[in-house]
C-alpha atoms as a PDB file:
ATOM      1  CA  UNK A   1      15.749 -12.436 -27.653  1.00  0.00           C
ATOM      2  CA  UNK A   2      13.805 -10.269 -25.168  1.00  0.00           C
ATOM      3  CA  UNK A   3      14.863 -10.793 -21.561  1.00  0.00           C
ATOM      4  CA  UNK A   4      11.394 -10.389 -20.205  1.00  0.00           C
ATOM      5  CA  UNK A   5      10.015  -8.076 -17.592  1.00  0.00           C
ATOM      6  CA  UNK A   6      11.085 -10.155 -14.578  1.00  0.00           C
ATOM      7  CA  UNK A   7      14.700 -10.382 -15.688  1.00  0.00           C
ATOM      8  CA  UNK A   8      14.812  -6.693 -16.576  1.00  0.00           C
ATOM      9  CA  UNK A   9      13.563  -5.793 -13.096  1.00  0.00           C
ATOM     10  CA  UNK A  10      16.017  -8.134 -11.412  1.00  0.00           C
ATOM     11  CA  UNK A  11      18.972  -6.645 -13.311  1.00  0.00           C
ATOM     12  CA  UNK A  12      17.744  -3.080 -12.712  1.00  0.00           C
ATOM     13  CA  UNK A  13      17.892  -3.436  -8.927  1.00  0.00           C
ATOM     14  CA  UNK A  14      21.664  -3.479  -8.942  1.00  0.00           C
ATOM     15  CA  UNK A  15      21.468  -6.077  -6.136  1.00  0.00           C
ATOM     16  CA  UNK A  16      22.863  -9.594  -6.249  1.00  0.00           C
ATOM     17  CA  UNK A  17      20.662 -11.336  -8.807  1.00  0.00           C
ATOM     18  CA  UNK A  18      20.166 -14.739  -7.179  1.00  0.00           C
ATOM     19  CA  UNK A  19      18.470 -13.480  -3.955  1.00  0.00           C
ATOM     20  CA  UNK A  20      16.333 -10.959  -5.856  1.00  0.00           C
ATOM     21  CA  UNK A  21      15.353 -13.667  -8.367  1.00  0.00           C
ATOM     22  CA  UNK A  22      14.433 -16.038  -5.571  1.00  0.00           C
ATOM     23  CA  UNK A  23      12.310 -13.428  -3.788  1.00  0.00           C
ATOM     24  CA  UNK A  24      10.584 -12.352  -7.003  1.00  0.00           C
ATOM     25  CA  UNK A  25       9.867 -15.994  -7.909  1.00  0.00           C
ATOM     26  CA  UNK A  26       8.172 -16.471  -4.502  1.00  0.00           C
ATOM     27  CA  UNK A  27       6.088 -13.321  -4.960  1.00  0.00           C
ATOM     28  CA  UNK A  28       5.052 -14.244  -8.466  1.00  0.00           C
ATOM     29  CA  UNK A  29       4.098 -17.737  -7.361  1.00  0.00           C
ATOM     30  CA  UNK A  30       2.046 -16.379  -4.501  1.00  0.00           C
ATOM     31  CA  UNK A  31       0.184 -14.168  -7.023  1.00  0.00           C
ATOM     32  CA  UNK A  32      -0.363 -17.042  -9.406  1.00  0.00           C
ATOM     33  CA  UNK A  33       1.941 -15.914 -12.188  1.00  0.00           C
ATOM     34  CA  UNK A  34       5.375 -16.755 -13.557  1.00  0.00           C
ATOM     35  CA  UNK A  35       8.244 -14.824 -15.140  1.00  0.00           C
ATOM     36  CA  UNK A  36       7.045 -15.819 -18.595  1.00  0.00           C
ATOM     37  CA  UNK A  37       3.525 -14.510 -17.928  1.00  0.00           C
ATOM     38  CA  UNK A  38       4.312 -11.417 -15.843  1.00  0.00           C
ATOM     39  CA  UNK A  39       2.714  -8.213 -17.017  1.00  0.00           C
ATOM     40  CA  UNK A  40       3.523  -4.708 -15.859  1.00  0.00           C
ATOM     41  CA  UNK A  41       0.159  -4.523 -14.078  1.00  0.00           C
ATOM     42  CA  UNK A  42       0.903  -7.758 -12.212  1.00  0.00           C
ATOM     43  CA  UNK A  43       4.319  -6.463 -11.287  1.00  0.00           C
ATOM     44  CA  UNK A  44       2.750  -3.269  -9.878  1.00  0.00           C
ATOM     45  CA  UNK A  45       0.366  -5.324  -7.769  1.00  0.00           C
ATOM     46  CA  UNK A  46       3.081  -7.703  -6.584  1.00  0.00           C
ATOM     47  CA  UNK A  47       5.398  -4.839  -5.624  1.00  0.00           C
ATOM     48  CA  UNK A  48       2.624  -2.905  -3.865  1.00  0.00           C
ATOM     49  CA  UNK A  49       1.835  -5.997  -1.766  1.00  0.00           C
ATOM     50  CA  UNK A  50       5.523  -6.574  -1.105  1.00  0.00           C
ATOM     51  CA  UNK A  51       6.055  -2.992   0.068  1.00  0.00           C
ATOM     52  CA  UNK A  52       3.014  -3.184   2.354  1.00  0.00           C
ATOM     53  CA  UNK A  53       4.424  -6.351   3.867  1.00  0.00           C
ATOM     54  CA  UNK A  54       7.826  -4.722   4.433  1.00  0.00           C
ATOM     55  CA  UNK A  55       6.272  -1.639   5.980  1.00  0.00           C
ATOM     56  CA  UNK A  56       4.160  -3.777   8.329  1.00  0.00           C
ATOM     57  CA  UNK A  57       7.244  -5.727   9.388  1.00  0.00           C
ATOM     58  CA  UNK A  58       9.134  -2.486  10.091  1.00  0.00           C
ATOM     59  CA  UNK A  59       6.200  -1.116  12.101  1.00  0.00           C
ATOM     60  CA  UNK A  60       6.017  -4.316  14.176  1.00  0.00           C
ATOM     61  CA  UNK A  61       9.770  -4.174  14.842  1.00  0.00           C
ATOM     62  CA  UNK A  62       9.513  -0.530  15.899  1.00  0.00           C
ATOM     63  CA  UNK A  63       6.531  -1.323  18.126  1.00  0.00           C
ATOM     64  CA  UNK A  64       8.474  -4.160  19.747  1.00  0.00           C
ATOM     65  CA  UNK A  65      11.495  -1.910  20.378  1.00  0.00           C
ATOM     66  CA  UNK A  66       9.251   0.757  21.932  1.00  0.00           C
ATOM     67  CA  UNK A  67       7.519  -1.670  24.307  1.00  0.00           C
END
């Protein structure tokens, strides 16, 4: 049986699966999709939003350190 896109991505990270799965589940839920419904285009959008969020958090931390 096919693992599905979400599980393939989780395994491909090489990171501990439970935290990655939890984070991906939150992101998919926030975007109104689930692991069973996830398409490659939805994954791209989810990951782009996630990376933007991470970059903003890093920028805010750097700004706080500089102040």
